[in-house]
Amino acid sequence: MHRTLGRTSLCDSPAVFLAAAGLCLALTGCRRAGSDEPDDGRLRVVCTTGPVADLARHVGGERVRVKALMGPGVDPHLYQALPADVARLNAADVVFYNGMHLEGRMADLLGRLGRRKPVFAVTDALRERHAERLRPLPGADGEFDPHVWFDVALWAACADFVAEKLSEVDPGHAAEYRRNAARYEAELHELDRWCREQLAAIPEEQRVLVTAHDAFGYFGAAYEVEVHGIQGMSTADEADLGSVNRLIDLLVTRRIQAVFVETSVSERNVRALVEACAARGHRIRIGGHLYSDAMGPADSPTGTYAGMVRHNVNTIIKALR
């Protein structure tokens, strides 16, 4: 039954109320409290970022209805929850987020929510099972770089964790969640092999990736690419002048041909880097847009995790090979 919250109902008469409720049911089906969607028996799963939502969709399959709070072009480091986000989180059956402080400004909200409903950081699986592959944050004891999805094989390890947590919430379909996770892991391991083969075609001395912020460290470690970011691992970090000057020296000295902008980060620093290299007599171009902390539009090839990864690899190859 549809409920009106926070205001006086227009249906003061019981007869009018029942008639209105019947019309509502006829048109839309029964809706759950706090949700604008029909109650079709599927789990309502809310995720913070696109890659996490993609993971939940593949593992949950037909048993879940997934919403991502952060869409294309959104920077999770700086994101603050909107009232509509809070409503979606409150209406969810289960919430998944990246963790490792990626959603820094939502930490308190997610912590409070976790005291009354299932809320899980998918990177907890990596802390428990693959800690040796995590990149420590400089100067932060026990904390790690949150951009784990750029190592495709490492991200695949999160699928089992999502299946476990969905099974805890919905034990009747646990076997289905495990099958979906195994199938998706196999797809991601195939994608991981493709990434290695494609990037190996770039001569090693040209395999240098310079981006707006240090989001591609896992990518570099997994696929033998030298990675440099103008800003730190969080876009909240300011670009350090000394580091920028060393980066300019590297680009000029090694005659690197291209740098890259990110869809969820301002292009300002990257364009300033290009201008600084030009002033030193080295022309460098912007090699294209990479998807870092956000995926592309839902109706585009980059609207899936695998599509985003393939786009990034193809863009890097085209610019650097």
Protein backbone atom coordinates (compact mmCIF):
# COMPACT_ATOMS: atom_id res chain seq x y z
CA MET A 1 0.00 0.00 0.00
CA HIS A 2 1.30 3.44 -0.92
CA ARG A 3 2.01 5.62 2.11
CA THR A 4 2.20 9.41 2.22
CA LEU A 5 4.98 10.46 4.58
CA GLY A 6 5.60 13.81 6.20
CA ARG A 7 2.34 15.54 5.13
CA THR A 8 -1.44 15.27 5.59
CA SER A 9 -3.12 12.88 3.17
CA LEU A 10 -5.65 14.34 0.74
CA CYS A 11 -7.75 11.21 1.26
CA ASP A 12 -9.48 12.06 4.57
CA SER A 13 -12.49 9.85 3.86
CA PRO A 14 -11.88 6.10 4.34
CA ALA A 15 -13.92 5.35 1.23
CA VAL A 16 -11.93 7.81 -0.88
CA PHE A 17 -8.71 6.47 0.59
CA LEU A 18 -9.58 2.88 -0.28
CA ALA A 19 -10.58 3.85 -3.80
CA ALA A 20 -7.33 5.75 -4.30
CA ALA A 21 -5.31 2.85 -2.90
CA GLY A 22 -7.06 0.44 -5.25
CA LEU A 23 -6.25 2.66 -8.23
CA CYS A 24 -2.64 2.86 -7.12
CA LEU A 25 -2.38 -0.92 -6.91
CA ALA A 26 -4.04 -1.38 -10.28
CA LEU A 27 -1.67 1.03 -12.00
CA THR A 28 1.65 0.27 -10.35
CA GLY A 29 1.42 -2.74 -8.08
CA CYS A 30 2.20 -2.62 -4.38
CA ARG A 31 5.15 -0.39 -3.49
CA ARG A 32 7.47 -0.73 -0.52
CA ALA A 33 7.69 2.04 2.04
CA GLY A 34 10.28 4.67 1.10
CA SER A 35 10.55 3.44 -2.50
CA ASP A 36 9.10 4.72 -5.76
CA GLU A 37 9.30 1.26 -7.38
CA PRO A 38 6.88 -1.70 -7.32
CA ASP A 39 7.54 -4.44 -4.78
CA ASP A 40 8.30 -7.27 -7.20
CA GLY A 41 10.05 -9.47 -4.66
CA ARG A 42 13.55 -8.57 -5.78
CA LEU A 43 16.14 -7.25 -3.34
CA ARG A 44 16.59 -3.50 -3.50
CA VAL A 45 20.36 -2.99 -3.70
CA VAL A 46 21.85 0.51 -3.55
CA CYS A 47 25.51 1.05 -4.47
CA THR A 48 27.65 4.16 -4.34
CA THR A 49 29.71 3.97 -7.55
CA GLY A 50 29.25 2.55 -11.03
CA PRO A 51 31.82 -0.28 -10.74
CA VAL A 52 30.28 -1.47 -7.45
CA ALA A 53 26.78 -1.35 -8.96
CA ASP A 54 27.98 -3.31 -12.00
CA LEU A 55 29.40 -5.96 -9.68
CA ALA A 56 26.11 -6.22 -7.77
CA ARG A 57 24.08 -6.51 -11.00
CA HIS A 58 26.18 -9.37 -12.32
CA VAL A 59 26.20 -11.30 -9.05
CA GLY A 60 22.59 -10.57 -8.11
CA GLY A 61 21.20 -11.25 -11.57
CA GLU A 62 17.42 -11.37 -11.80
CA ARG A 63 17.03 -11.46 -8.02
CA VAL A 64 18.08 -7.83 -7.46
CA ARG A 65 17.14 -4.32 -8.49
CA VAL A 66 20.29 -2.18 -8.37
CA LYS A 67 20.63 1.61 -8.11
CA ALA A 68 23.92 3.53 -8.24
CA LEU A 69 24.04 6.86 -6.42
CA MET A 70 26.93 8.29 -8.46
CA GLY A 71 26.47 8.53 -12.21
CA PRO A 72 28.77 9.43 -15.12
CA GLY A 73 31.30 12.17 -14.47
CA VAL A 74 30.83 12.12 -10.68
CA ASP A 75 33.90 12.26 -8.45
CA PRO A 76 33.32 9.95 -5.44
CA HIS A 77 36.16 11.55 -3.46
CA LEU A 78 34.18 14.80 -3.23
CA TYR A 79 30.62 13.48 -3.42
CA GLN A 80 28.10 14.49 -0.76
CA ALA A 81 24.84 12.58 -0.47
CA LEU A 82 21.70 14.38 -1.63
CA PRO A 83 18.32 14.04 0.12
CA ALA A 84 17.21 11.70 -2.68
CA ASP A 85 20.27 9.52 -2.01
CA VAL A 86 19.43 9.29 1.68
CA ALA A 87 15.88 8.21 0.77
CA ARG A 88 17.22 5.49 -1.56
CA LEU A 89 19.65 4.26 1.09
CA ASN A 90 16.90 4.14 3.71
CA ALA A 91 14.65 2.15 1.36
CA ALA A 92 17.37 -0.35 0.40
CA ASP A 93 17.46 -3.97 1.55
CA VAL A 94 21.25 -4.02 1.26
CA VAL A 95 23.91 -1.39 0.49
CA PHE A 96 27.32 -1.95 -1.13
CA TYR A 97 30.05 0.66 -1.33
CA ASN A 98 33.70 0.63 -2.37
CA GLY A 99 35.32 1.50 0.95
CA MET A 100 38.95 2.42 1.70
CA HIS A 101 37.74 6.02 2.10
CA LEU A 102 36.83 6.41 -1.59
CA GLU A 103 33.44 7.80 -0.52
CA GLY A 104 35.07 9.95 2.17
CA ARG A 105 32.27 12.47 2.63
CA MET A 106 29.67 9.71 2.96
CA ALA A 107 31.56 7.77 5.65
CA ASP A 108 29.45 8.96 8.59
CA LEU A 109 26.19 8.36 6.74
CA LEU A 110 27.19 4.83 5.73
CA GLY A 111 28.39 4.09 9.26
CA ARG A 112 25.07 5.14 10.81
CA LEU A 113 23.13 3.20 8.18
CA GLY A 114 25.17 0.08 8.90
CA ARG A 115 23.87 -0.02 12.46
CA ARG A 116 20.36 -0.85 11.28
CA LYS A 117 20.65 -2.63 7.92
CA PRO A 118 23.17 -4.66 5.87
CA VAL A 119 25.86 -2.28 4.58
CA PHE A 120 29.09 -3.71 3.12
CA ALA A 121 32.36 -2.37 1.70
CA VAL A 122 33.34 -4.67 -1.16
CA THR A 123 37.04 -3.98 -0.55
CA ASP A 124 36.76 -5.70 2.85
CA ALA A 125 37.16 -8.91 0.84
CA LEU A 126 40.55 -7.71 -0.39
CA ARG A 127 41.74 -6.62 3.05
CA GLU A 128 40.95 -10.11 4.34
CA ARG A 129 42.15 -12.22 1.42
CA HIS A 130 44.53 -10.21 -0.81
CA ALA A 131 46.16 -7.65 1.48
CA GLU A 132 49.56 -8.29 -0.13
CA ARG A 133 48.26 -6.88 -3.44
CA LEU A 134 46.91 -3.63 -1.98
CA ARG A 135 48.81 -0.35 -2.41
CA PRO A 136 49.52 1.36 0.93
CA LEU A 137 48.66 5.04 1.23
CA PRO A 138 51.83 7.04 1.95
CA GLY A 139 51.82 8.33 5.50
CA ALA A 140 48.60 6.52 6.46
CA ASP A 141 49.34 3.37 8.44
CA GLY A 142 47.00 0.54 7.55
CA GLU A 143 45.18 2.43 4.79
CA PHE A 144 45.26 1.60 1.09
CA ASP A 145 44.68 3.08 -2.34
CA PRO A 146 40.94 2.58 -3.00
CA HIS A 147 41.15 2.35 -6.84
CA VAL A 148 41.28 -1.46 -6.78
CA TRP A 149 38.99 -1.96 -9.79
CA PHE A 150 41.83 -1.06 -12.17
CA ASP A 151 43.42 -4.44 -11.50
CA VAL A 152 40.73 -6.52 -13.19
CA ALA A 153 41.79 -9.81 -11.60
CA LEU A 154 41.82 -8.20 -8.15
CA TRP A 155 38.35 -6.72 -8.72
CA ALA A 156 37.09 -10.15 -9.76
CA ALA A 157 37.88 -11.37 -6.24
CA CYS A 158 35.15 -9.07 -4.91
CA ALA A 159 32.44 -11.08 -6.70
CA ASP A 160 32.56 -13.92 -4.17
CA PHE A 161 32.23 -11.41 -1.33
CA VAL A 162 29.12 -9.85 -2.89
CA ALA A 163 27.64 -13.33 -3.38
CA GLU A 164 28.29 -14.15 0.28
CA LYS A 165 26.60 -10.99 1.52
CA LEU A 166 23.59 -11.31 -0.79
CA SER A 167 23.25 -14.91 0.41
CA GLU A 168 23.17 -13.73 4.03
CA VAL A 169 20.32 -11.36 3.21
CA ASP A 170 18.52 -13.78 0.86
CA PRO A 171 19.64 -17.33 1.76
CA GLY A 172 16.96 -18.93 -0.40
CA HIS A 173 18.85 -17.93 -3.56
CA ALA A 174 22.41 -18.43 -2.30
CA ALA A 175 23.24 -21.07 -4.91
CA GLU A 176 22.18 -18.72 -7.71
CA TYR A 177 24.34 -15.91 -6.35
CA ARG A 178 27.36 -18.23 -6.17
CA ARG A 179 26.82 -19.39 -9.77
CA ASN A 180 26.51 -15.81 -11.00
CA ALA A 181 29.68 -14.82 -9.14
CA ALA A 182 31.65 -17.71 -10.61
CA ARG A 183 30.46 -16.87 -14.12
CA TYR A 184 31.32 -13.18 -13.74
CA GLU A 185 34.74 -13.96 -12.26
CA ALA A 186 35.52 -16.08 -15.32
CA GLU A 187 34.52 -13.19 -17.60
CA LEU A 188 36.73 -10.78 -15.69
CA HIS A 189 39.72 -13.12 -15.79
CA GLU A 190 39.30 -13.28 -19.56
CA LEU A 191 39.18 -9.45 -19.63
CA ASP A 192 42.35 -9.37 -17.50
CA ARG A 193 44.16 -11.58 -20.05
CA TRP A 194 42.98 -9.32 -22.89
CA CYS A 195 44.35 -6.24 -21.09
CA ARG A 196 47.75 -7.86 -20.67
CA GLU A 197 47.96 -8.90 -24.31
CA GLN A 198 46.90 -5.52 -25.65
CA LEU A 199 49.12 -3.38 -23.44
CA ALA A 200 52.15 -5.58 -24.05
CA ALA A 201 52.05 -4.38 -27.67
CA ILE A 202 53.19 -0.92 -26.54
CA PRO A 203 57.02 -0.71 -26.43
CA GLU A 204 58.11 -0.68 -22.80
CA GLU A 205 59.82 2.71 -22.99
CA GLN A 206 56.58 4.26 -24.28
CA ARG A 207 54.35 2.53 -21.73
CA VAL A 208 53.97 5.65 -19.57
CA LEU A 209 50.55 6.77 -18.36
CA VAL A 210 50.16 10.33 -17.04
CA THR A 211 46.71 11.31 -15.74
CA ALA A 212 44.97 13.96 -13.66
CA HIS A 213 45.21 12.08 -10.37
CA ASP A 214 46.87 8.95 -9.06
CA ALA A 215 44.00 6.57 -9.78
CA PHE A 216 45.81 4.07 -12.01
CA GLY A 217 48.40 2.62 -9.64
CA TYR A 218 46.78 -0.82 -9.59
CA PHE A 219 46.49 -0.69 -13.36
CA GLY A 220 50.22 0.04 -13.66
CA ALA A 221 51.22 -2.73 -11.28
CA ALA A 222 48.97 -5.30 -12.96
CA TYR A 223 49.85 -4.50 -16.58
CA GLU A 224 53.43 -3.25 -16.34
CA VAL A 225 52.65 0.37 -17.14
CA GLU A 226 54.58 3.26 -15.58
CA VAL A 227 51.95 5.50 -14.00
CA HIS A 228 52.09 9.14 -12.84
CA GLY A 229 49.29 11.34 -11.50
CA ILE A 230 49.36 15.12 -11.16
CA GLN A 231 47.26 15.02 -7.99
CA GLY A 232 47.40 12.36 -5.30
CA MET A 233 45.15 9.32 -4.86
CA SER A 234 42.30 11.64 -3.84
CA THR A 235 41.18 14.56 -5.97
CA ALA A 236 40.87 16.48 -2.70
CA ASP A 237 44.69 16.57 -2.67
CA GLU A 238 46.36 19.63 -4.13
CA ALA A 239 48.93 19.20 -6.89
CA ASP A 240 52.42 19.51 -5.38
CA LEU A 241 54.57 22.02 -7.30
CA GLY A 242 57.76 20.01 -6.86
CA SER A 243 56.10 16.84 -8.12
CA VAL A 244 54.62 18.69 -11.10
CA ASN A 245 58.05 20.05 -12.07
CA ARG A 246 59.56 16.56 -11.87
CA LEU A 247 56.73 15.27 -14.03
CA ILE A 248 57.41 17.97 -16.63
CA ASP A 249 61.11 17.00 -16.63
CA LEU A 250 60.15 13.36 -17.19
CA LEU A 251 57.83 14.14 -20.10
CA VAL A 252 60.34 16.43 -21.80
CA THR A 253 63.42 14.27 -21.22
CA ARG A 254 61.81 11.02 -22.33
CA ARG A 255 59.83 12.64 -25.16
CA ILE A 256 56.52 11.16 -24.00
CA GLN A 257 53.92 11.83 -26.69
CA ALA A 258 50.60 11.93 -24.81
CA VAL A 259 48.94 12.54 -21.45
CA PHE A 260 45.34 11.78 -20.50
CA VAL A 261 42.38 13.55 -18.94
CA GLU A 262 39.73 11.85 -16.80
CA THR A 263 35.98 12.10 -17.22
CA SER A 264 35.34 12.75 -13.52
CA VAL A 265 38.22 15.19 -12.87
CA SER A 266 38.83 18.73 -14.11
CA GLU A 267 41.11 18.96 -17.17
CA ARG A 268 42.77 22.12 -15.85
CA ASN A 269 45.94 20.55 -14.43
CA VAL A 270 46.49 18.29 -17.43
CA ARG A 271 46.19 21.19 -19.87
CA ALA A 272 48.58 23.24 -17.75
CA LEU A 273 51.04 20.35 -17.96
CA VAL A 274 50.77 20.33 -21.76
CA GLU A 275 51.44 24.08 -21.86
CA ALA A 276 54.45 23.75 -19.55
CA CYS A 277 55.97 21.07 -21.79
CA ALA A 278 55.39 23.27 -24.86
CA ALA A 279 57.25 26.10 -23.11
CA ARG A 280 60.19 23.71 -22.76
CA GLY A 281 60.11 22.92 -26.48
CA HIS A 282 58.31 19.57 -26.28
CA ARG A 283 54.91 19.27 -27.91
CA ILE A 284 52.71 16.78 -26.14
CA ARG A 285 49.06 16.05 -26.85
CA ILE A 286 46.08 14.91 -24.86
CA GLY A 287 45.65 11.25 -25.78
CA GLY A 288 41.97 11.06 -24.85
CA HIS A 289 39.54 10.73 -21.98
CA LEU A 290 39.89 7.87 -19.51
CA TYR A 291 37.21 6.65 -17.13
CA SER A 292 38.69 6.57 -13.66
CA ASP A 293 36.32 6.99 -10.70
CA ALA A 294 33.09 6.90 -12.74
CA MET A 295 31.81 4.86 -15.68
CA GLY A 296 30.09 6.20 -18.79
CA PRO A 297 26.36 6.68 -19.48
CA ALA A 298 24.25 3.59 -18.88
CA ASP A 299 23.21 3.33 -22.54
CA SER A 300 26.79 3.50 -23.86
CA PRO A 301 29.54 0.87 -24.22
CA THR A 302 31.37 2.49 -21.27
CA GLY A 303 28.28 2.15 -19.07
CA THR A 304 29.53 -1.24 -17.85
CA TYR A 305 32.69 -2.04 -15.95
CA ALA A 306 34.06 -4.26 -18.75
CA GLY A 307 33.20 -1.63 -21.36
CA MET A 308 34.95 1.07 -19.34
CA VAL A 309 38.10 -1.04 -19.01
CA ARG A 310 38.16 -1.84 -22.73
CA HIS A 311 37.69 1.82 -23.63
CA ASN A 312 40.58 2.84 -21.38
CA VAL A 313 42.95 0.21 -22.76
CA ASN A 314 42.07 1.01 -26.39
CA THR A 315 42.49 4.75 -25.76
CA ILE A 316 45.90 4.24 -24.13
CA ILE A 317 47.10 1.96 -26.92
CA LYS A 318 45.98 4.36 -29.64
CA ALA A 319 47.79 7.28 -28.02
CA LEU A 320 51.00 5.58 -26.92
CA ARG A 321 51.74 2.90 -29.52
